[in-house]
Amino acid sequence: MKTEKLLHIVDDEKFIDLAIKQFEKVAPGANLFAVLVNSSSHELQYINQKGKVKLIWDLEKQLNLYNYDAIFIHYMTEEKCKIINAAPLNLPVIWLFWGQDAQKLFMDRSYKEKTRKLIKDLLGWNEYLYPYTNWIRRLFLPYKERGRAMKRINFCAPVISNELELMNDRLSLNLEFIDFSYGSLDDFVTEAIRDLEISGPNILVGNSSTAACNHIESFDFIKENLDWKHRKIIVPLSYGSKDYRNEILKIGQEYFGENFMPLTDFLPIQKYNEFLGSCSLAIMNHNRQQALGNIIGLLWLGTKIIMDKNNPLFQFLTSKGFIIQSVQALASDRIDSHSGSLGIKKRNHNRKLLQLYYSDEVVLEKTKKLVDAFVVCETAFSQ
């Protein structure tokens, strides 16, 4: 393969280091990772492998799309849509779909009812009415830059396969599935937590200061279904919306008083792991796919994870055999026997599945097949 024939359009995000590691492992020197910036003086904040990345502030002068065998779009943005629509028609375009770059187009309800009302107070009526107006956005999508780009894309690598099926159906697309994972089990289950044992009964709620966590409904679930008065309610809020965080801080305090323990600052990894190890139960009450990296780590630890049964991620993981429980099932039985962690037998069951689907060898093999596919497809796309 010729040097730098695979063009990756990326953002300055921490996950890109994982992609750089994987693609360079299977195709060393064949990848150009390009970050779109406003000026040549821009400094990267989150990508650590800065020597592997090229800053692009003048597309026409710095990038000739005809020089590449394939373009990989890591997370869709409006600026990247323009690149996709300008790409030669014989050039394969692969979209590495993260979730938030399109979920709101095909999922009308990211927020449960109380969270929706809070969002209305914070952001206004447009967001509150989103479930009732989203059909209009879908109607006009084909005529917009993003809609044209989504039609132009040849392949899509989603976080979970069933989310692509949902998107193809709701948006009348025909994107072909291709398998890829950002990071392996070793990246999410570091040595610091590999041998960590759950040491407490506390409850973890959500993964960030974002409304998609549906914190209020999670708090309701705890109050109505769990014996929480001798447990800490640990809520990570260190990144995300500050306005939303401030509201959740007030609501959490009202619900749980001194049992409420928000994490509002970025913590040293050892300290954060101590909090994780104190939690026998985690509530990830998202309507949409989010927080897979966090969930992988919690599954390894043996934390009992509770999710919404309508979340495509819950459906994906349980279809693979992972032991995860739903909010709906536990709320209906109203028995607090689910307060403890999974136990060794179920924990080991989940660990075997994590190794089966997310081991370093499996993830690198996916990446190799992805690269090899476009070496093989080069002739087909050049016709």
Protein backbone atom coordinates (compact mmCIF):
# COMPACT_ATOMS: atom_id res chain seq x y z
CA MET A 1 0.00 0.00 0.00
CA LYS A 2 1.26 3.48 -0.87
CA THR A 3 2.09 5.91 1.92
CA GLU A 4 -0.83 7.77 3.50
CA LYS A 5 -3.56 6.43 1.24
CA LEU A 6 -6.24 6.24 3.92
CA LEU A 7 -7.56 9.68 4.90
CA HIS A 8 -9.12 10.00 8.34
CA ILE A 9 -11.06 13.20 9.07
CA VAL A 10 -11.13 13.43 12.85
CA ASP A 11 -11.85 15.82 15.72
CA ASP A 12 -9.63 16.65 18.66
CA GLU A 13 -11.18 13.96 20.88
CA LYS A 14 -9.65 11.40 23.25
CA PHE A 15 -11.04 8.41 21.29
CA ILE A 16 -8.93 9.34 18.28
CA ASP A 17 -5.80 8.10 20.05
CA LEU A 18 -7.40 4.65 20.07
CA ALA A 19 -8.10 4.85 16.34
CA ILE A 20 -4.54 6.01 15.59
CA LYS A 21 -3.13 3.11 17.57
CA GLN A 22 -5.32 0.53 15.83
CA PHE A 23 -4.99 1.74 12.24
CA GLU A 24 -1.24 2.28 12.54
CA LYS A 25 -0.85 -1.18 14.05
CA VAL A 26 -2.43 -2.89 11.03
CA ALA A 27 -1.33 -0.41 8.33
CA PRO A 28 1.72 1.51 9.56
CA GLY A 29 2.40 4.72 7.64
CA ALA A 30 -0.69 4.31 5.45
CA ASN A 31 -2.96 6.67 7.40
CA LEU A 32 -3.30 10.43 7.45
CA PHE A 33 -5.26 11.72 10.44
CA ALA A 34 -6.50 15.24 9.65
CA VAL A 35 -8.07 17.61 12.17
CA LEU A 36 -10.05 20.54 10.74
CA VAL A 37 -9.04 23.76 12.52
CA ASN A 38 -9.44 27.50 12.04
CA SER A 39 -5.77 28.45 11.92
CA SER A 40 -2.23 27.06 11.77
CA SER A 41 -1.64 28.18 15.37
CA HIS A 42 -4.31 25.85 16.75
CA GLU A 43 -3.11 23.62 19.60
CA LEU A 44 -4.56 20.15 20.16
CA GLN A 45 -6.02 19.55 23.62
CA TYR A 46 -7.14 15.92 23.74
CA ILE A 47 -5.21 13.92 21.14
CA ASN A 48 -1.94 12.78 22.70
CA GLN A 49 -0.27 11.39 19.57
CA LYS A 50 0.15 14.86 18.07
CA GLY A 51 2.94 13.75 15.74
CA LYS A 52 0.48 11.43 13.97
CA VAL A 53 -1.99 14.22 13.21
CA LYS A 54 -2.03 16.94 10.55
CA LEU A 55 -3.85 20.21 11.16
CA ILE A 56 -5.96 21.32 8.19
CA TRP A 57 -6.95 24.98 8.05
CA ASP A 58 -7.13 25.35 4.24
CA LEU A 59 -8.88 22.38 2.67
CA GLU A 60 -8.29 23.30 -0.96
CA LYS A 61 -4.55 23.84 -0.53
CA GLN A 62 -3.77 21.13 2.03
CA LEU A 63 -5.92 18.18 0.94
CA ASN A 64 -6.32 16.65 -2.50
CA LEU A 65 -9.01 14.02 -2.12
CA TYR A 66 -7.92 12.35 -5.37
CA ASN A 67 -4.72 11.21 -3.63
CA TYR A 68 -6.48 8.76 -1.32
CA ASP A 69 -7.96 5.29 -1.63
CA ALA A 70 -10.67 5.84 1.01
CA ILE A 71 -11.96 8.49 3.40
CA PHE A 72 -12.88 7.63 6.99
CA ILE A 73 -15.19 10.12 8.68
CA HIS A 74 -14.80 9.85 12.46
CA TYR A 75 -18.00 11.48 13.81
CA MET A 76 -20.17 13.48 11.41
CA THR A 77 -20.12 17.29 11.48
CA GLU A 78 -21.38 19.91 9.04
CA GLU A 79 -17.83 20.67 7.90
CA LYS A 80 -17.15 17.00 7.24
CA CYS A 81 -20.39 16.75 5.27
CA LYS A 82 -18.97 19.30 2.83
CA ILE A 83 -15.88 17.12 2.36
CA ILE A 84 -18.02 14.04 1.75
CA ASN A 85 -20.11 15.83 -0.86
CA ALA A 86 -16.97 17.10 -2.62
CA ALA A 87 -15.30 13.68 -2.71
CA PRO A 88 -14.81 11.94 -6.09
CA LEU A 89 -17.67 9.54 -6.78
CA ASN A 90 -15.27 6.60 -7.18
CA LEU A 91 -13.79 7.19 -3.71
CA PRO A 92 -15.27 5.00 -0.94
CA VAL A 93 -16.45 6.96 2.10
CA ILE A 94 -16.69 5.18 5.46
CA TRP A 95 -18.55 6.81 8.32
CA LEU A 96 -17.47 5.77 11.82
CA PHE A 97 -20.74 6.65 13.51
CA TRP A 98 -20.44 7.50 17.21
CA GLY A 99 -24.10 8.07 18.01
CA GLN A 100 -24.68 11.71 18.84
CA ASP A 101 -23.73 12.70 15.28
CA ALA A 102 -27.12 11.44 14.03
CA GLN A 103 -29.17 9.85 16.83
CA LYS A 104 -31.54 12.79 17.23
CA LEU A 105 -32.55 12.50 13.58
CA PHE A 106 -33.91 8.98 13.93
CA MET A 107 -34.63 8.79 17.68
CA ASP A 108 -37.42 11.15 18.66
CA ARG A 109 -37.20 10.66 22.42
CA SER A 110 -33.76 10.90 23.99
CA TYR A 111 -35.24 12.21 27.24
CA LYS A 112 -37.84 10.84 29.60
CA GLU A 113 -40.73 13.08 30.65
CA LYS A 114 -39.36 14.84 33.75
CA THR A 115 -36.02 15.38 32.05
CA ARG A 116 -37.83 16.81 29.00
CA LYS A 117 -39.55 19.35 31.23
CA LEU A 118 -36.21 20.32 32.76
CA ILE A 119 -34.72 20.72 29.27
CA LYS A 120 -37.65 22.97 28.34
CA ASP A 121 -36.83 25.22 31.27
CA LEU A 122 -33.14 25.29 30.29
CA LEU A 123 -33.34 25.39 26.48
CA GLY A 124 -36.88 26.46 25.61
CA TRP A 125 -39.85 24.96 23.81
CA ASN A 126 -38.03 23.83 20.66
CA GLU A 127 -36.24 21.05 22.49
CA TYR A 128 -39.35 20.07 24.44
CA LEU A 129 -41.40 19.75 21.25
CA TYR A 130 -38.67 17.82 19.44
CA PRO A 131 -40.54 14.46 19.48
CA TYR A 132 -43.49 16.08 17.71
CA THR A 133 -41.51 18.06 15.12
CA ASN A 134 -38.74 15.63 14.23
CA TRP A 135 -40.71 14.23 11.26
CA ILE A 136 -40.36 17.65 9.61
CA ARG A 137 -36.56 17.50 9.98
CA ARG A 138 -36.54 14.05 8.40
CA LEU A 139 -38.75 15.30 5.56
CA PHE A 140 -36.28 18.03 4.61
CA LEU A 141 -33.08 16.08 5.42
CA PRO A 142 -32.44 14.88 1.80
CA TYR A 143 -32.23 18.50 0.66
CA LYS A 144 -29.68 19.55 3.26
CA GLU A 145 -25.88 19.18 3.23
CA ARG A 146 -26.03 16.45 5.87
CA GLY A 147 -28.73 14.51 4.08
CA ARG A 148 -26.80 14.54 0.80
CA ALA A 149 -23.68 13.40 2.63
CA MET A 150 -25.50 10.52 4.31
CA LYS A 151 -26.74 9.37 0.90
CA ARG A 152 -23.22 9.63 -0.53
CA ILE A 153 -21.58 7.50 2.20
CA ASN A 154 -20.88 3.91 1.16
CA PHE A 155 -20.24 2.16 4.49
CA CYS A 156 -21.04 2.82 8.12
CA ALA A 157 -19.32 1.46 11.23
CA PRO A 158 -21.68 2.11 14.16
CA VAL A 159 -20.94 1.45 17.82
CA ILE A 160 -23.66 -1.23 17.74
CA SER A 161 -25.08 -2.88 14.62
CA ASN A 162 -28.78 -2.54 15.51
CA GLU A 163 -28.44 1.24 15.69
CA LEU A 164 -27.50 1.29 12.00
CA GLU A 165 -30.55 -0.83 11.21
CA LEU A 166 -32.72 1.71 13.02
CA MET A 167 -31.09 4.65 11.22
CA ASN A 168 -31.40 3.03 7.78
CA ASP A 169 -35.07 2.37 8.42
CA ARG A 170 -36.04 5.76 9.86
CA LEU A 171 -33.99 7.87 7.41
CA SER A 172 -34.55 5.74 4.28
CA LEU A 173 -30.84 5.06 3.90
CA ASN A 174 -29.02 2.01 2.59
CA LEU A 175 -25.70 2.28 4.42
CA GLU A 176 -23.75 -0.96 4.42
CA PHE A 177 -22.58 -2.20 7.82
CA ILE A 178 -18.87 -2.59 8.47
CA ASP A 179 -17.48 -3.63 11.85
CA PHE A 180 -15.13 -1.47 13.92
CA SER A 181 -14.54 -0.74 17.60
CA TYR A 182 -12.69 2.16 19.17
CA GLY A 183 -10.43 0.53 21.72
CA SER A 184 -10.26 -2.94 23.17
CA LEU A 185 -10.93 -4.45 26.56
CA ASP A 186 -7.40 -3.48 27.62
CA ASP A 187 -8.19 0.18 26.95
CA PHE A 188 -11.35 0.19 29.08
CA VAL A 189 -10.25 -2.27 31.74
CA THR A 190 -6.83 -1.00 32.70
CA GLU A 191 -4.50 -2.66 35.18
CA ALA A 192 -5.83 -0.27 37.83
CA ILE A 193 -9.25 -1.93 37.80
CA ARG A 194 -8.47 -5.38 36.37
CA ASP A 195 -8.19 -6.90 39.84
CA LEU A 196 -10.42 -4.40 41.64
CA GLU A 197 -13.08 -5.98 43.83
CA ILE A 198 -16.41 -4.32 44.61
CA SER A 199 -16.19 -3.27 48.23
CA GLY A 200 -19.40 -1.35 48.90
CA PRO A 201 -23.15 -1.10 48.33
CA ASN A 202 -23.27 2.34 46.71
CA ILE A 203 -25.20 3.25 43.57
CA LEU A 204 -23.68 4.85 40.46
CA VAL A 205 -26.01 6.99 38.32
CA GLY A 206 -25.19 7.96 34.74
CA ASN A 207 -21.84 8.82 33.20
CA SER A 208 -21.89 12.58 32.60
CA SER A 209 -23.67 15.90 33.02
CA THR A 210 -25.90 15.29 30.01
CA ALA A 211 -29.68 15.11 29.93
CA ALA A 212 -29.53 11.82 28.00
CA CYS A 213 -28.65 10.18 31.35
CA ASN A 214 -32.20 10.94 32.54
CA HIS A 215 -30.99 11.59 36.08
CA ILE A 216 -34.35 12.64 37.54
CA GLU A 217 -36.05 9.41 36.46
CA SER A 218 -33.09 7.44 37.82
CA PHE A 219 -33.47 9.21 41.16
CA ASP A 220 -37.18 8.34 41.15
CA PHE A 221 -36.35 4.69 40.47
CA ILE A 222 -33.95 4.59 43.41
CA LYS A 223 -36.38 6.21 45.84
CA GLU A 224 -39.28 3.98 44.81
CA ASN A 225 -37.50 0.64 44.44
CA LEU A 226 -34.28 0.51 46.44
CA ASP A 227 -33.17 0.67 50.05
CA TRP A 228 -30.91 3.68 49.57
CA LYS A 229 -30.68 5.33 53.00
CA HIS A 230 -27.48 3.54 53.96
CA ARG A 231 -25.86 3.96 50.56
CA LYS A 232 -24.22 6.80 48.67
CA ILE A 233 -25.74 7.90 45.37
CA ILE A 234 -22.63 8.63 43.28
CA VAL A 235 -23.28 10.79 40.20
CA PRO A 236 -20.45 11.68 37.76
CA LEU A 237 -21.04 15.25 36.53
CA SER A 238 -17.51 16.38 35.68
CA TYR A 239 -18.15 16.94 31.98
CA GLY A 240 -21.17 18.11 30.03
CA SER A 241 -23.60 21.00 30.43
CA LYS A 242 -22.92 23.31 33.39
CA ASP A 243 -26.50 24.57 33.50
CA TYR A 244 -27.87 21.02 33.52
CA ARG A 245 -25.31 20.03 36.17
CA ASN A 246 -26.43 22.84 38.46
CA GLU A 247 -30.03 21.67 38.25
CA ILE A 248 -29.10 18.03 38.95
CA LEU A 249 -27.03 19.14 41.94
CA LYS A 250 -30.08 20.83 43.44
CA ILE A 251 -32.46 17.97 42.62
CA GLY A 252 -30.07 15.29 43.90
CA GLN A 253 -29.64 17.12 47.16
CA GLU A 254 -33.42 17.44 47.56
CA TYR A 255 -33.92 13.73 46.90
CA PHE A 256 -31.10 12.20 48.92
CA GLY A 257 -29.58 14.83 51.20
CA GLU A 258 -26.19 13.78 52.56
CA ASN A 259 -26.42 10.46 50.68
CA PHE A 260 -26.06 12.36 47.40
CA MET A 261 -22.43 12.40 46.22
CA PRO A 262 -21.90 14.26 42.93
CA LEU A 263 -18.49 14.09 41.24
CA THR A 264 -18.11 17.54 39.71
CA ASP A 265 -14.34 17.64 39.24
CA PHE A 266 -12.08 15.46 37.12
CA LEU A 267 -10.50 13.00 39.54
CA PRO A 268 -7.20 11.15 39.47
CA ILE A 269 -7.84 7.71 38.01
CA GLN A 270 -7.02 5.95 41.28
CA LYS A 271 -9.58 8.04 43.18
CA TYR A 272 -12.23 7.54 40.51
CA ASN A 273 -11.64 3.78 40.60
CA GLU A 274 -12.18 3.83 44.36
CA PHE A 275 -15.63 5.30 43.77
CA LEU A 276 -16.40 2.68 41.10
CA GLY A 277 -15.28 -0.10 43.44
CA SER A 278 -17.70 1.14 46.09
CA CYS A 279 -20.71 0.72 43.79
CA SER A 280 -22.48 -2.62 43.59
CA LEU A 281 -25.15 -1.22 41.28
CA ALA A 282 -25.14 1.22 38.33
CA ILE A 283 -28.16 2.85 36.70
CA MET A 284 -27.56 3.82 33.07
CA ASN A 285 -31.05 5.07 32.27
CA HIS A 286 -30.40 6.35 28.74
CA ASN A 287 -32.96 6.02 25.97
CA ARG A 288 -30.17 5.93 23.39
CA GLN A 289 -26.80 4.27 22.95
CA GLN A 290 -24.26 6.00 25.20
CA ALA A 291 -21.50 5.18 27.69
CA LEU A 292 -20.43 1.81 26.24
CA GLY A 293 -16.86 2.29 27.50
CA ASN A 294 -18.14 2.89 31.03
CA ILE A 295 -20.44 -0.10 30.81
CA ILE A 296 -17.62 -2.39 29.64
CA GLY A 297 -15.61 -1.44 32.73
CA LEU A 298 -18.59 -1.97 35.04
CA LEU A 299 -19.37 -5.37 33.50
CA TRP A 300 -15.80 -6.43 34.16
CA LEU A 301 -16.02 -5.37 37.79
CA GLY A 302 -19.22 -7.33 38.34
CA THR A 303 -21.39 -4.28 38.98
CA LYS A 304 -25.08 -4.94 38.53
CA ILE A 305 -26.11 -2.71 35.62
CA ILE A 306 -29.65 -1.46 35.12
CA MET A 307 -30.68 0.03 31.76
CA ASP A 308 -33.85 0.94 29.91
CA LYS A 309 -35.07 -2.06 27.91
CA ASN A 310 -35.86 0.20 24.92
CA ASN A 311 -32.29 1.42 24.65
CA PRO A 312 -30.69 -0.13 21.52
CA LEU A 313 -27.51 -0.68 23.55
CA PHE A 314 -29.40 -2.76 26.14
CA GLN A 315 -30.93 -4.80 23.33
CA PHE A 316 -27.55 -5.28 21.65
CA LEU A 317 -25.71 -6.37 24.80
CA THR A 318 -28.41 -8.72 26.04
CA SER A 319 -28.65 -10.29 22.56
CA LYS A 320 -24.96 -11.15 22.92
CA GLY A 321 -25.68 -12.84 26.25
CA PHE A 322 -24.50 -10.18 28.73
CA ILE A 323 -26.30 -10.21 32.07
CA ILE A 324 -27.88 -6.77 32.40
CA GLN A 325 -31.23 -5.93 33.96
CA SER A 326 -33.88 -3.48 32.85
CA VAL A 327 -35.43 -0.63 34.78
CA GLN A 328 -38.85 -1.86 33.74
CA ALA A 329 -38.37 -5.42 35.01
CA LEU A 330 -36.96 -4.38 38.36
CA ALA A 331 -39.58 -1.69 38.92
CA SER A 332 -42.37 -4.19 38.31
CA ASP A 333 -41.15 -6.78 40.84
CA ARG A 334 -40.42 -4.12 43.53
CA ILE A 335 -38.10 -6.54 45.34
CA ASP A 336 -34.82 -5.26 46.72
CA SER A 337 -33.01 -8.54 46.12
CA HIS A 338 -31.22 -6.79 43.26
CA SER A 339 -29.39 -4.40 45.59
CA GLY A 340 -26.09 -6.30 45.60
CA SER A 341 -23.49 -6.82 42.87
CA LEU A 342 -23.80 -9.61 40.31
CA GLY A 343 -21.77 -12.19 42.19
CA ILE A 344 -18.72 -14.10 40.99
CA LYS A 345 -20.47 -16.57 38.67
CA LYS A 346 -22.37 -13.93 36.69
CA ARG A 347 -19.41 -11.57 36.75
CA ASN A 348 -17.19 -14.26 35.20
CA HIS A 349 -19.87 -14.97 32.60
CA ASN A 350 -19.80 -11.30 31.52
CA ARG A 351 -16.00 -11.27 31.55
CA LYS A 352 -15.84 -14.19 29.13
CA LEU A 353 -18.15 -12.36 26.75
CA LEU A 354 -16.09 -9.17 27.02
CA GLN A 355 -13.00 -11.16 26.04
CA LEU A 356 -14.91 -12.78 23.18
CA TYR A 357 -16.13 -9.51 21.66
CA TYR A 358 -13.65 -6.85 22.79
CA SER A 359 -10.24 -8.48 23.24
CA ASP A 360 -7.24 -6.77 21.68
CA GLU A 361 -6.96 -9.53 19.08
CA VAL A 362 -10.63 -9.23 18.05
CA VAL A 363 -10.53 -5.44 17.78
CA LEU A 364 -7.31 -5.46 15.73
CA GLU A 365 -8.74 -8.13 13.43
CA LYS A 366 -11.79 -5.90 12.82
CA THR A 367 -9.47 -3.00 11.99
CA LYS A 368 -7.36 -5.16 9.65
CA LYS A 369 -10.45 -6.38 7.78
CA LEU A 370 -11.64 -2.77 7.49
CA VAL A 371 -8.34 -1.68 5.95
CA ASP A 372 -8.01 -4.76 3.74
CA ALA A 373 -11.53 -4.26 2.41
CA PHE A 374 -10.57 -1.00 0.80
CA VAL A 375 -7.37 -2.32 -0.66
CA VAL A 376 -9.50 -5.05 -2.28
CA CYS A 377 -12.31 -2.64 -3.21
CA GLU A 378 -9.99 -0.12 -4.85
CA THR A 379 -10.58 -1.59 -8.34
CA ALA A 380 -14.32 -1.83 -7.85
CA PHE A 381 -14.63 1.80 -6.81
CA SER A 382 -12.44 3.06 -9.65
CA GLN A 383 -14.72 1.74 -12.40
